[in-house]
Protein backbone atom coordinates (compact mmCIF):
# COMPACT_ATOMS: atom_id res chain seq x y z
CA MET A 1 67.26 136.28 -194.99
CA SER A 2 64.35 137.28 -197.32
CA VAL A 3 63.34 135.33 -200.47
CA PRO A 4 60.16 136.93 -201.76
CA ARG A 5 57.61 134.40 -203.33
CA ASP A 6 56.71 136.66 -206.11
CA LEU A 7 60.19 136.79 -207.68
CA PHE A 8 62.20 134.37 -209.72
CA TYR A 9 66.07 133.53 -209.14
CA THR A 10 69.05 132.36 -210.75
CA ALA A 11 71.40 129.68 -209.27
CA THR A 12 74.12 132.63 -209.17
CA SER A 13 71.94 134.69 -206.76
CA GLU A 14 70.16 137.22 -209.05
CA TRP A 15 66.40 137.93 -208.81
CA VAL A 16 64.04 138.93 -211.65
CA ARG A 17 60.69 140.72 -211.32
CA PHE A 18 58.53 140.65 -214.21
CA THR A 19 56.42 143.68 -214.43
CA ASP A 20 52.88 144.31 -216.04
CA ASP A 21 54.23 146.60 -218.74
CA GLY A 22 56.40 143.86 -220.14
CA PHE A 23 59.88 144.44 -218.51
CA ALA A 24 61.98 142.35 -216.23
CA LEU A 25 63.96 144.00 -213.45
CA ALA A 26 66.90 142.38 -212.25
CA GLY A 27 69.05 142.66 -209.11
CA LEU A 28 71.12 140.92 -206.31
CA THR A 29 69.28 138.63 -203.76
CA ASP A 30 69.43 139.31 -199.98
CA HIS A 31 71.37 136.08 -199.73
CA ALA A 32 74.09 137.57 -202.22
CA GLN A 33 74.37 140.79 -200.56
CA GLU A 34 74.74 139.06 -197.14
CA THR A 35 77.42 136.90 -198.49
CA LEU A 36 79.29 139.85 -200.07
CA GLY A 37 79.13 142.04 -197.04
CA ASP A 38 79.13 145.82 -197.49
CA ILE A 39 78.98 146.64 -201.18
CA ALA A 40 81.18 149.49 -202.12
CA TYR A 41 81.15 149.62 -206.06
CA VAL A 42 78.85 148.47 -208.88
CA ASN A 43 80.19 148.27 -212.38
CA LEU A 44 77.55 147.32 -214.98
CA SER A 45 78.92 146.68 -218.44
CA CYS A 46 75.72 146.77 -220.06
CA VAL A 47 74.11 149.94 -221.30
CA ALA A 48 70.55 151.06 -222.20
CA GLY A 49 69.85 149.88 -225.99
CA GLY A 50 72.35 147.14 -225.54
CA ALA A 51 71.74 143.34 -225.47
CA VAL A 52 72.28 140.92 -222.56
CA SER A 53 72.21 137.14 -222.64
CA ALA A 54 70.81 134.99 -219.74
CA GLY A 55 73.74 133.52 -217.73
CA GLU A 56 76.25 135.99 -219.12
CA ALA A 57 77.97 138.56 -217.07
CA MET A 58 76.52 141.93 -217.20
CA GLY A 59 78.91 143.65 -214.71
CA GLU A 60 80.56 143.18 -211.26
CA ILE A 61 79.89 143.95 -207.73
CA GLU A 62 82.76 144.88 -205.43
CA SER A 63 82.40 144.42 -201.72
CA ILE A 64 84.82 144.43 -198.70
CA LYS A 65 84.98 140.59 -199.25
CA ALA A 66 84.98 139.98 -202.85
CA VAL A 67 84.56 141.11 -206.40
CA THR A 68 81.81 138.91 -208.21
CA ASP A 69 80.12 138.96 -211.56
CA VAL A 70 76.56 139.81 -211.93
CA TYR A 71 74.63 137.64 -214.44
CA ALA A 72 71.72 138.39 -216.56
CA PRO A 73 68.70 136.43 -215.48
CA VAL A 74 67.09 136.85 -219.02
CA SER A 75 68.17 137.59 -222.55
CA GLY A 76 66.91 140.81 -224.09
CA THR A 77 67.52 144.45 -224.64
CA VAL A 78 68.59 146.68 -221.82
CA ALA A 79 65.90 149.34 -221.37
CA ALA A 80 67.53 151.17 -218.30
CA VAL A 81 70.44 150.88 -215.79
CA ASN A 82 69.45 152.06 -212.33
CA GLU A 83 72.14 154.80 -211.88
CA GLU A 84 70.81 155.30 -208.44
CA ALA A 85 71.99 151.73 -207.29
CA VAL A 86 75.18 152.30 -209.15
CA ASP A 87 76.05 155.59 -207.54
CA ASN A 88 74.81 154.60 -204.06
CA PRO A 89 75.82 150.64 -203.93
CA GLU A 90 74.86 150.76 -200.31
CA ARG A 91 71.41 150.57 -201.17
CA ILE A 92 71.56 147.14 -202.34
CA ASN A 93 72.64 146.03 -198.75
CA ALA A 94 69.76 148.17 -197.33
CA ASP A 95 67.15 147.07 -199.69
CA PRO A 96 68.31 144.23 -202.03
CA TYR A 97 65.01 143.95 -203.75
CA GLY A 98 64.22 147.37 -204.21
CA ALA A 99 67.54 148.36 -205.54
CA TRP A 100 67.22 146.70 -209.00
CA LEU A 101 70.26 147.13 -211.23
CA VAL A 102 68.93 146.58 -214.92
CA LYS A 103 65.61 146.89 -216.52
CA ILE A 104 65.44 144.36 -219.53
CA GLY A 105 62.76 144.56 -222.27
CA PRO A 106 61.69 143.19 -224.51
CA PHE A 107 63.04 139.91 -223.14
CA GLU A 108 62.99 136.21 -223.78
CA PRO A 109 61.79 133.76 -221.01
CA ASN A 110 64.38 131.71 -219.29
CA PRO A 111 63.25 128.18 -218.39
CA ALA A 112 66.39 128.00 -216.09
CA LEU A 113 64.89 130.55 -213.57
CA LEU A 114 64.09 129.17 -210.33
CA ASP A 115 60.94 129.86 -208.14
CA ALA A 116 61.61 130.85 -204.41
CA ALA A 117 61.39 127.27 -203.03
CA ALA A 118 63.99 126.04 -205.52
CA TYR A 119 66.27 128.86 -204.89
CA GLU A 120 66.04 128.41 -200.98
CA GLN A 121 66.99 124.67 -201.60
CA ILE A 122 70.24 125.88 -203.48
CA ILE A 123 71.26 128.29 -200.85
CA ALA A 124 70.46 125.85 -198.07
CA GLY A 125 72.97 123.55 -199.46
CA GLU A 126 75.89 125.98 -199.67
């Protein structure tokens, strides 16, 4: 299982990458996609131009094992939804850190985000 050191994480297994141009890309972690199994459906309730709040559901993921909410890692304005990942949810299983779901910006910092070491401790305790 991969936990890249250059990303930040939520306790609910979303990752966030801060870009040089002031955006936050968010997606599901490798641990989350492994736990869920084959992802069959992505339903994001957020839309470009809409607002999301850190810790609140911004959609759901359906797999062969379960349906689970996806939570926003930061608060801000949705700049884009990755329609490629929505239309081809299997990409999340194949490349969880490349298949971002939502691009947020501008965004507010979230002090509750975890670094890789803290996230690894959380998933090790599951």
